[in-house]
Every structure is written in structure tokens, then in C-alpha cells.
Protein backbone atom coordinates (compact mmCIF):
# COMPACT_ATOMS: atom_id res chain seq x y z
CA MET A 1 0.00 0.00 0.00
CA ALA A 2 2.76 2.43 1.01
CA TRP A 3 6.49 2.13 1.57
CA LEU A 4 9.61 3.97 2.74
CA GLN A 5 12.60 4.73 0.54
CA LYS A 6 15.78 6.48 1.57
CA ARG A 7 17.28 9.15 -0.67
CA GLY A 8 20.53 10.43 0.64
CA ASP A 9 19.94 11.11 4.33
CA ILE A 10 16.18 11.63 4.03
CA TRP A 11 13.40 9.06 4.09
CA TRP A 12 10.63 9.33 1.51
CA VAL A 13 7.12 7.81 1.55
CA GLY A 14 5.91 6.18 -1.66
CA TYR A 15 2.42 4.98 -2.60
CA ARG A 16 0.11 4.51 -5.57
CA ILE A 17 -3.21 6.27 -6.08
CA ASN A 18 -5.48 5.93 -9.13
CA GLY A 19 -2.74 3.98 -10.88
CA LYS A 20 -0.10 6.68 -10.38
CA GLN A 21 2.99 6.39 -8.21
CA VAL A 22 3.52 9.23 -5.74
CA ARG A 23 6.58 9.96 -3.59
CA ARG A 24 6.96 12.66 -0.98
CA SER A 25 9.66 13.51 1.50
CA THR A 26 9.07 12.92 5.19
CA GLY A 27 11.80 15.47 5.96
CA GLU A 28 13.19 12.96 8.45
CA SER A 29 16.56 11.25 8.54
CA ASP A 30 15.48 9.21 11.57
CA LYS A 31 13.84 6.00 10.35
CA ALA A 32 11.59 5.68 13.41
CA LYS A 33 10.12 9.15 12.77
CA ALA A 34 9.79 8.35 9.08
CA GLU A 35 7.91 5.16 9.96
CA ALA A 36 5.49 7.26 11.99
CA GLU A 37 4.77 9.32 8.84
CA LEU A 38 4.35 6.08 6.89
CA ALA A 39 1.82 4.89 9.49
CA LYS A 40 -0.21 8.06 8.96
CA VAL A 41 -0.34 7.45 5.21
CA GLU A 42 -1.38 3.83 5.71
CA LEU A 43 -4.06 4.91 8.15
CA MET A 44 -5.46 7.36 5.60
CA PHE A 45 -5.46 4.65 2.94
CA GLY A 46 -7.36 2.37 5.29
CA ALA A 47 -9.92 5.06 6.04
CA HIS A 48 -10.12 5.86 2.34
CA ALA A 49 -10.88 2.23 1.49
CA ALA A 50 -13.59 2.17 4.15
CA MET A 51 -14.99 5.47 2.80
CA SER A 52 -14.49 7.14 6.18
CA LEU A 53 -11.71 9.59 5.35
CA THR A 54 -13.31 12.67 6.85
CA GLU A 55 -11.81 16.11 6.93
CA GLU A 56 -11.26 15.88 10.68
CA LEU A 57 -9.22 12.69 10.34
CA TYR A 58 -7.25 14.13 7.41
CA GLN A 59 -6.40 17.32 9.33
CA ASN A 60 -5.46 15.43 12.50
CA LEU A 61 -3.07 13.20 10.56
CA THR A 62 -1.49 15.75 8.26
CA GLY A 63 -2.23 19.17 9.69
CA ALA A 64 -3.35 20.18 6.19
CA LYS A 65 -6.80 21.23 5.09
CA LYS A 66 -8.78 19.06 2.76
CA SER A 67 -11.80 20.04 0.68
CA LYS A 68 -14.97 19.89 2.75
CA LEU A 69 -17.17 19.06 -0.23
CA THR A 70 -18.85 15.71 0.30
CA LEU A 71 -20.14 13.32 -2.32
CA VAL A 72 -23.66 13.72 -0.93
CA ALA A 73 -23.54 17.52 -1.24
CA GLU A 74 -22.30 17.33 -4.84
CA LEU A 75 -24.95 14.76 -5.77
CA ASP A 76 -27.69 16.86 -4.19
CA ASP A 77 -26.51 19.95 -6.07
CA TRP A 78 -26.39 17.99 -9.35
CA LEU A 79 -29.92 16.69 -8.83
CA LYS A 80 -31.21 20.14 -7.98
CA GLU A 81 -29.72 21.57 -11.18
CA SER A 82 -30.77 18.72 -13.47
CA GLN A 83 -34.35 18.71 -12.17
CA HIS A 84 -35.03 21.82 -14.25
CA GLN A 85 -33.08 20.64 -17.29
CA THR A 86 -34.32 17.09 -17.91
CA GLU A 87 -37.58 15.22 -18.34
CA ALA A 88 -39.22 13.99 -15.14
CA ASN A 89 -38.57 10.32 -15.89
CA THR A 90 -34.91 11.02 -16.71
CA TRP A 91 -34.47 12.99 -13.51
CA GLY A 92 -36.11 10.14 -11.59
CA ARG A 93 -33.51 7.78 -12.99
CA TYR A 94 -30.72 10.18 -11.96
CA LYS A 95 -32.08 10.28 -8.42
CA ASN A 96 -32.38 6.51 -8.18
CA ILE A 97 -28.76 6.08 -9.24
CA ALA A 98 -27.58 8.84 -6.88
CA ASP A 99 -29.40 7.26 -3.94
CA GLU A 100 -28.10 3.81 -4.82
CA PHE A 101 -24.53 5.06 -5.23
CA LYS A 102 -24.63 6.88 -1.88
CA SER A 103 -26.00 3.78 -0.18
CA PHE A 104 -23.37 1.53 -1.75
CA LEU A 105 -20.55 3.78 -0.48
CA ASN A 106 -22.22 4.41 2.88
CA ALA A 107 -21.91 8.11 2.10
CA THR A 108 -23.39 10.66 4.50
CA GLU A 109 -23.56 14.43 4.69
CA LYS A 110 -20.55 14.42 7.02
CA GLY A 111 -18.44 11.68 5.51
CA THR A 112 -17.13 10.48 2.13
CA LEU A 113 -15.54 13.53 0.59
CA LEU A 114 -16.07 13.98 -3.14
CA ASP A 115 -12.36 13.70 -3.98
CA ALA A 116 -12.09 10.55 -1.87
CA VAL A 117 -14.12 8.58 -4.43
CA THR A 118 -11.79 6.58 -6.67
CA SER A 119 -12.15 4.50 -9.80
CA SER A 120 -12.06 1.41 -7.59
CA HIS A 121 -15.16 2.55 -5.71
CA VAL A 122 -17.08 3.35 -8.89
CA SER A 123 -15.97 0.10 -10.51
CA ALA A 124 -17.07 -1.92 -7.48
CA TYR A 125 -20.51 -0.27 -7.61
CA LEU A 126 -20.88 -0.94 -11.34
CA MET A 127 -19.75 -4.54 -10.97
CA GLU A 128 -22.38 -5.05 -8.30
CA LYS A 129 -24.95 -3.45 -10.59
CA ARG A 130 -23.87 -5.72 -13.43
CA LYS A 131 -24.77 -8.81 -11.39
CA SER A 132 -28.48 -8.05 -11.71
CA THR A 133 -28.75 -5.98 -14.90
CA ALA A 134 -27.87 -6.27 -18.56
CA ALA A 135 -24.63 -4.80 -19.89
CA SER A 136 -26.55 -2.06 -21.70
CA THR A 137 -28.31 -1.01 -18.49
CA THR A 138 -25.04 -0.97 -16.55
CA ASN A 139 -23.45 1.14 -19.28
CA VAL A 140 -26.27 3.68 -18.97
CA VAL A 141 -25.55 3.93 -15.23
CA ARG A 142 -21.85 4.37 -16.01
CA LYS A 143 -22.68 7.12 -18.51
CA ILE A 144 -24.84 8.98 -15.99
CA LEU A 145 -22.13 8.80 -13.32
CA ALA A 146 -19.57 9.96 -15.89
CA GLY A 147 -21.73 13.02 -16.57
CA PHE A 148 -22.02 13.72 -12.85
CA PHE A 149 -18.27 13.58 -12.22
CA LYS A 150 -17.49 15.51 -15.42
CA ARG A 151 -19.67 18.32 -14.09
CA ALA A 152 -17.62 18.39 -10.89
CA VAL A 153 -14.37 18.48 -12.90
CA LYS A 154 -15.61 21.36 -15.06
CA GLY A 155 -16.60 23.24 -11.91
CA ASN A 156 -13.06 22.82 -10.49
CA ARG A 157 -14.41 20.80 -7.57
CA LEU A 158 -12.56 17.69 -8.70
CA LYS A 159 -9.25 17.19 -10.50
CA GLU A 160 -10.26 14.18 -12.59
CA SER A 161 -13.21 11.87 -13.07
CA PRO A 162 -12.92 8.44 -11.43
CA VAL A 163 -15.15 7.02 -14.18
CA SER A 164 -12.72 7.72 -17.04
CA PRO A 165 -10.52 4.59 -16.59
CA ILE A 166 -13.54 2.27 -16.40
CA LYS A 167 -14.33 0.54 -19.68
CA ILE A 168 -17.85 -0.10 -20.91
CA PHE A 169 -19.37 -3.51 -20.24
CA LYS A 170 -19.83 -6.04 -23.03
CA ALA A 171 -22.96 -8.14 -23.26
CA GLN A 172 -22.71 -11.90 -22.98
CA LYS A 173 -24.04 -14.03 -25.81
CA ASN A 174 -27.18 -15.01 -23.93
CA GLU A 175 -28.01 -11.33 -23.32
CA LYS A 176 -28.04 -10.34 -26.97
CA VAL A 177 -31.69 -10.65 -27.95
CA GLN A 178 -32.64 -9.37 -31.39
CA ARG A 179 -36.06 -7.75 -31.31
CA ARG A 180 -38.24 -8.80 -34.22
CA SER A 181 -41.32 -7.45 -35.90
CA PHE A 182 -44.82 -8.76 -35.31
CA THR A 183 -46.31 -10.54 -38.29
CA VAL A 184 -49.66 -9.44 -39.73
CA GLU A 185 -51.23 -12.59 -38.26
CA GLU A 186 -49.79 -11.84 -34.81
CA CYS A 187 -51.08 -8.26 -35.00
CA LYS A 188 -54.54 -9.59 -35.72
CA MET A 189 -54.21 -12.05 -32.84
CA ILE A 190 -53.16 -9.51 -30.22
CA TYR A 191 -55.71 -6.95 -31.45
CA GLU A 192 -58.53 -9.44 -31.01
CA ALA A 193 -57.13 -10.50 -27.62
CA ALA A 194 -56.91 -6.91 -26.32
CA PRO A 195 -59.17 -6.86 -23.24
CA THR A 196 -60.01 -3.14 -23.24
CA ALA A 197 -60.62 -0.25 -25.63
CA PHE A 198 -57.41 1.32 -24.39
CA TRP A 199 -55.31 -1.65 -25.45
CA LYS A 200 -57.02 -1.88 -28.84
CA TYR A 201 -56.12 1.79 -29.32
CA MET A 202 -52.52 1.15 -28.25
CA ILE A 203 -52.05 -1.81 -30.61
CA LEU A 204 -53.69 -0.11 -33.57
CA GLY A 205 -51.91 3.16 -32.85
CA ALA A 206 -48.45 1.61 -32.59
CA ALA A 207 -48.93 -0.55 -35.69
CA TYR A 208 -50.18 2.34 -37.84
CA THR A 209 -48.09 5.23 -36.50
CA GLY A 210 -44.90 3.63 -35.18
CA LEU A 211 -45.15 5.75 -32.05
CA ARG A 212 -43.57 4.53 -28.85
CA MET A 213 -45.71 3.46 -25.90
CA GLY A 214 -45.26 6.65 -23.85
CA ASP A 215 -46.06 8.90 -26.81
CA LEU A 216 -49.28 7.03 -27.56
CA ILE A 217 -50.40 7.12 -23.93
CA ASN A 218 -49.86 10.89 -23.81
CA VAL A 219 -51.59 11.90 -27.05
CA ARG A 220 -53.86 14.94 -26.55
CA TRP A 221 -56.83 15.95 -28.66
CA SER A 222 -54.79 18.91 -29.92
CA ASN A 223 -52.53 16.36 -31.64
CA VAL A 224 -55.44 14.80 -33.55
CA ASP A 225 -56.72 16.44 -36.72
CA LEU A 226 -59.62 14.26 -37.83
CA GLU A 227 -60.57 16.58 -40.69
CA SER A 228 -57.19 16.40 -42.41
CA ARG A 229 -56.67 12.85 -41.10
CA MET A 230 -53.35 13.68 -39.49
CA LEU A 231 -51.65 13.08 -36.13
CA ARG A 232 -49.15 15.81 -35.30
CA LEU A 233 -46.88 15.68 -32.25
CA GLN A 234 -43.34 15.84 -30.96
CA PRO A 235 -42.20 12.37 -29.82
CA ASP A 236 -40.39 12.24 -26.52
CA LYS A 237 -37.10 10.86 -27.90
CA THR A 238 -36.58 12.73 -31.16
CA ASP A 239 -34.69 15.84 -29.98
CA ASP A 240 -37.43 18.38 -30.76
CA LYS A 241 -38.22 16.75 -34.11
CA PHE A 242 -41.91 17.24 -34.95
CA VAL A 243 -43.69 14.44 -36.84
CA GLU A 244 -46.84 14.51 -38.94
CA ILE A 245 -48.40 11.07 -39.39
CA PRO A 246 -51.34 10.29 -41.71
CA LEU A 247 -54.18 8.44 -40.01
CA ARG A 248 -54.82 5.00 -41.45
CA SER A 249 -58.58 4.47 -42.07
CA ALA A 250 -59.08 1.97 -39.24
CA PHE A 251 -57.22 4.16 -36.74
CA HIS A 252 -59.00 7.31 -37.98
CA ALA A 253 -62.38 5.60 -37.48
CA MET A 254 -61.38 4.55 -33.97
CA LEU A 255 -60.34 8.08 -33.02
CA ALA A 256 -63.49 9.59 -34.51
CA GLN A 257 -65.61 7.18 -32.48
CA MET A 258 -63.63 7.98 -29.33
CA LYS A 259 -64.19 11.70 -29.78
CA LEU A 260 -67.90 11.20 -30.42
CA LYS A 261 -68.17 9.14 -27.24
CA ALA A 262 -66.09 11.63 -25.18
CA GLY A 263 -68.40 14.50 -26.12
CA LYS A 264 -67.09 17.98 -25.43
CA VAL A 265 -63.32 17.91 -24.97
CA LYS A 266 -60.60 20.55 -24.65
CA PRO A 267 -57.60 20.48 -27.01
CA SER A 268 -55.35 20.00 -23.99
CA ASP A 269 -57.26 16.94 -22.76
CA TYR A 270 -55.60 13.55 -23.02
CA LEU A 271 -57.32 10.88 -25.10
CA TRP A 272 -56.76 8.56 -22.15
CA PRO A 273 -56.57 10.80 -19.04
CA ASP A 274 -56.45 8.00 -16.45
CA GLU A 275 -53.66 6.18 -18.25
CA ALA A 276 -51.73 9.40 -18.87
CA GLU A 277 -51.92 10.15 -15.14
CA LYS A 278 -50.61 6.69 -14.29
CA HIS A 279 -47.76 7.12 -16.78
CA ALA A 280 -46.81 10.42 -15.12
CA THR A 281 -47.21 9.11 -11.57
CA TYR A 282 -45.72 5.63 -11.69
CA LYS A 283 -42.02 5.35 -11.06
CA SER A 284 -41.60 2.87 -13.91
CA LYS A 285 -43.50 5.08 -16.42
CA SER A 286 -44.05 2.86 -19.47
CA GLY A 287 -42.71 -0.13 -17.53
CA TYR A 288 -46.09 -0.58 -15.82
CA PHE A 289 -47.89 -0.68 -19.17
CA SER A 290 -45.26 -2.98 -20.69
CA ASN A 291 -45.94 -5.48 -17.91
CA GLN A 292 -49.68 -5.17 -18.54
CA PHE A 293 -49.20 -5.77 -22.26
CA TYR A 294 -47.10 -8.82 -21.46
CA SER A 295 -49.48 -10.43 -18.97
CA LEU A 296 -52.85 -9.38 -20.46
CA ILE A 297 -52.11 -9.89 -24.14
CA LEU A 298 -48.83 -11.58 -25.05
CA GLU A 299 -49.12 -14.40 -22.51
CA PRO A 300 -52.73 -15.38 -23.39
CA CYS A 301 -51.76 -15.38 -27.08
CA GLY A 302 -48.89 -17.76 -26.34
CA LEU A 303 -46.27 -15.40 -27.79
CA VAL A 304 -44.16 -15.29 -24.61
CA PRO A 305 -43.52 -17.63 -21.66
CA LYS A 306 -45.62 -17.16 -18.55
CA ARG A 307 -43.96 -15.03 -15.91
CA THR A 308 -43.54 -16.20 -12.34
CA ALA A 309 -44.34 -12.68 -11.11
CA ALA A 310 -46.52 -10.00 -12.68
CA HIS A 311 -43.82 -7.37 -12.83
CA LYS A 312 -40.62 -9.32 -13.43
CA ALA A 313 -39.48 -11.79 -16.04
CA LYS A 314 -38.00 -15.08 -14.91
CA PRO A 315 -34.29 -14.60 -14.20
CA ASP A 316 -31.77 -16.52 -16.24
CA SER A 317 -28.98 -18.65 -14.80
CA ASN A 318 -26.95 -15.51 -14.06
CA GLY A 319 -29.76 -13.89 -12.08
CA LYS A 320 -30.43 -11.27 -14.76
CA ARG A 321 -33.88 -10.54 -16.15
CA ALA A 322 -34.63 -12.89 -19.03
CA MET A 323 -35.18 -11.13 -22.36
CA ASN A 324 -37.80 -11.94 -24.98
CA ASP A 325 -37.68 -11.25 -28.68
CA ILE A 326 -41.19 -9.78 -28.71
CA SER A 327 -42.61 -6.79 -26.84
CA PHE A 328 -44.85 -3.77 -27.40
CA HIS A 329 -41.95 -1.97 -29.07
CA CYS A 330 -42.03 -4.63 -31.79
CA LEU A 331 -45.18 -2.95 -33.14
CA ARG A 332 -42.87 -0.08 -34.06
CA HIS A 333 -40.70 -2.61 -35.90
CA PHE A 334 -43.85 -3.85 -37.64
CA PHE A 335 -44.79 -0.34 -38.74
CA ILE A 336 -41.37 0.48 -40.20
CA SER A 337 -40.92 -2.97 -41.76
CA GLN A 338 -44.33 -2.82 -43.44
CA LEU A 339 -43.67 0.68 -44.80
CA LYS A 340 -40.51 -0.56 -46.46
CA SER A 341 -41.99 -3.85 -47.65
CA THR A 342 -44.84 -2.01 -49.42
CA GLY A 343 -42.33 -0.02 -51.44
CA SER A 344 -41.90 3.12 -49.33
CA SER A 345 -38.54 4.82 -49.50
CA GLN A 346 -36.15 4.89 -46.57
CA ALA A 347 -36.81 8.63 -46.37
CA VAL A 348 -40.54 8.04 -45.80
CA ALA A 349 -39.88 5.43 -43.10
CA LYS A 350 -37.31 7.66 -41.36
CA GLN A 351 -39.52 10.71 -41.41
CA MET A 352 -42.55 8.87 -40.04
CA ALA A 353 -40.54 7.11 -37.33
CA GLY A 354 -38.76 10.32 -36.31
CA HIS A 355 -35.38 8.65 -36.74
CA SER A 356 -32.27 10.82 -36.97
CA SER A 357 -29.86 8.28 -38.50
CA ASP A 358 -28.21 9.06 -41.84
CA GLN A 359 -27.84 12.58 -40.55
CA ILE A 360 -26.50 14.12 -43.74
CA SER A 361 -29.41 12.69 -45.73
CA ASP A 362 -31.85 14.18 -43.24
CA LEU A 363 -30.56 17.66 -43.95
CA TYR A 364 -31.56 17.48 -47.61
CA THR A 365 -34.41 14.97 -47.77
CA HIS A 366 -38.03 16.14 -47.63
CA VAL A 367 -40.98 13.82 -48.14
CA SER A 368 -44.24 15.13 -49.57
CA THR A 369 -47.56 14.53 -47.82
CA SER A 370 -48.88 12.64 -50.86
CA GLU A 371 -46.00 10.16 -50.59
CA THR A 372 -46.65 9.46 -46.93
CA ILE A 373 -50.42 9.07 -47.43
CA LYS A 374 -49.82 6.58 -50.26
CA ALA A 375 -47.39 4.65 -48.05
CA PHE A 376 -49.95 4.47 -45.24
CA ASN A 377 -52.74 3.37 -47.55
CA ASP A 378 -50.57 0.44 -48.62
CA LEU A 379 -50.15 -0.85 -45.05
CA PRO A 380 -51.80 -4.24 -44.41
CA GLU A 381 -55.19 -4.42 -42.67
CA PHE A 382 -55.59 -6.66 -39.63
CA THR A 383 -58.69 -5.33 -37.89
CA LYS A 384 -61.20 -7.04 -40.17
């Protein structure tokens, strides 16, 4: 951990920290006194490893002042700032990771100084996380922590980020599940099996618009233009990219019937107010609805194995959540696949899906409304 080395008449203390070798003079020619200085360094390393290197201990051992900024204070400040700069569900994820990280390190308002957190501590936390989550999920946690520490570095509250030396995690073979598209027959099956009007709307909406689950749940009447047969909205994950989606006849008829049944509505009203409230309130957001789709529709149709618990898939041999090749998101795959299979250009599919890949092409490609309407009219029918 630490050692003594004599240079000339003076003893020096050597040690490694964050992979770097450090040497400093004890100023002592007497070995016994130098060993006392060595003992102080080893004591600090021990406290550091136990995450209990407080300022009081540091000052008592060295007589020098150490930054009083704790990990907890920095995390709290980061959360306070990001709360006004991110979506509610994103901020909720930040908070969950911050709370989990503090708990893992036993950090308190008085202990665990910010600059006492090393790559070893972060790596240990991520390795523990990896035991119960997929590599992609663990990498998201790593990315969020990297952003947190980078903020501290930019603010001159930390010299370097302890996340930088930590490599991203690679998925094991049994974790790599390729999502597939629903077939037309499967779409018909799950549509007929949908137990409520809400789920028939969700299935039809996803298959004929390609919208993600959260976007469909949060559609407002202001987004629906029945007269021009268009759905206009800004999807949650498209970086301010606005999409205009033609309404397929079956979906248009459903929405028209819903509006007739709802009676007088305000433009700001949700199509499904109760579900939109649940989506905003529940910690898991779309996760709650994904579980419902799994247990109420996919399981009865025999498209997925039965779960042992309503909210969690059966773990695999490594204790991680088992993955399936079919989910609600696969309706988005169906939508894009069918657009392309009916002869639509890549530009039409990209514009309708709100994708931002092929960035240079996006800057110059514009798709006419007539092209998109034709593409939608060519989509297969599964409601009859």
C-alpha cells in the first residue's frame, strides 16, 4: 500500500493512487520518525478504502486542510440543477442512481468527501450493478455517473473523473436478444385479444403510426386532426423533431368514435386521461404498461412464456432478467418494416418514425404529404 525509501539522508514515503505512483519527502533522517509518517499514510489509505476519510481525520493526521465538499452535497446539487433541465422520468432515474450510489458507499452528509471517491469505488458499484442488470443497463448507469463527475471536474471541484478509466461492459451471448417485428397474423391475434378499448387503441396506434408506448399514452386531442386525417406531435425521444403522421382508415375511425363518445373535450385533454396520469405518476412510467401488455395480451396469445411474477421476467442462470424477442416496441418494428416492404422509401420510413440516423441525408431529404399518405394506404389491414 505504502512504503519507505531512503534518498541520501532523508526518508521518503511512496504509494500509488489511481494507478499513479507518488513519492513525498518525510523530511526525516530518523527512520523511526519516518515510519510514523508512513503509518499516517497507511491509516489514511485504510480510512479511504472504508470510505471514512473525513476532513477531521485528514487534518489530524497531516495538519493540512482538505476540501470539505462531500459526495452527498455534490450529488444533491447535481440533482437540484438537473431537475429543471431534464424530463421527469430522466431525472427520476438520476435520483435513483444517486441514492443507490450513496448507499453503496455508505456516504453521508458528514463523511465520504467527493475527492475521496476513486475508480475502484465506482468500478465496485458498477460490478455489483452488473450482477443483476444487462450490460446495456449498466453502461447507462456508467454514462450517468460519468456526466455527474465531469460536471464536478468542469466546476473545479474535482481534478479528474474516477469514471474515465472504467471501460464499458460487453454483453454476454445469452443477453443479446434481437427484437423482431410482429407478423400481420400476430397483430390480428393480439388486437382481437386486447381486453379493453385502451389496449385496442394502443395496438392499432403503434402498428399504424410507429409511435412509442409513452407517446401514444400521452396523445392529446390537440394532436389529432380528424378533418385532415393527421396526427401531429413531438415524440419524446426525437430531440425536438416534430412528426406529422397520416391516419390510417381503421385508426381514424377509432379516433373519430372515441371523440364522439367523449363529447365535449378541450384540445389539452388527453385521449386517455387516467392512463396518462398513471404514466406520469408511476415510477416505472411505461414499464407498468409494458408489464400489462405482457401479462394481459402476449401471454394469453402464447407469444411469450408465462412469468412467475406479474412485474418481473423469470431470471436466467446468471440472475439477470430474461429477455424476450417480442414486446410492445415490436409494433414499431412492424410499422417500419411494413412501410418498407410495401415499397416506401427509406426517407418516408425515417420521417414517419422520427429517426435521426443518416444525418446528412436528413438535412436534404423532404418527403411530400402525398407520398406518406400513399405509403400508409398500402399498409396491411388486420382489424377485419
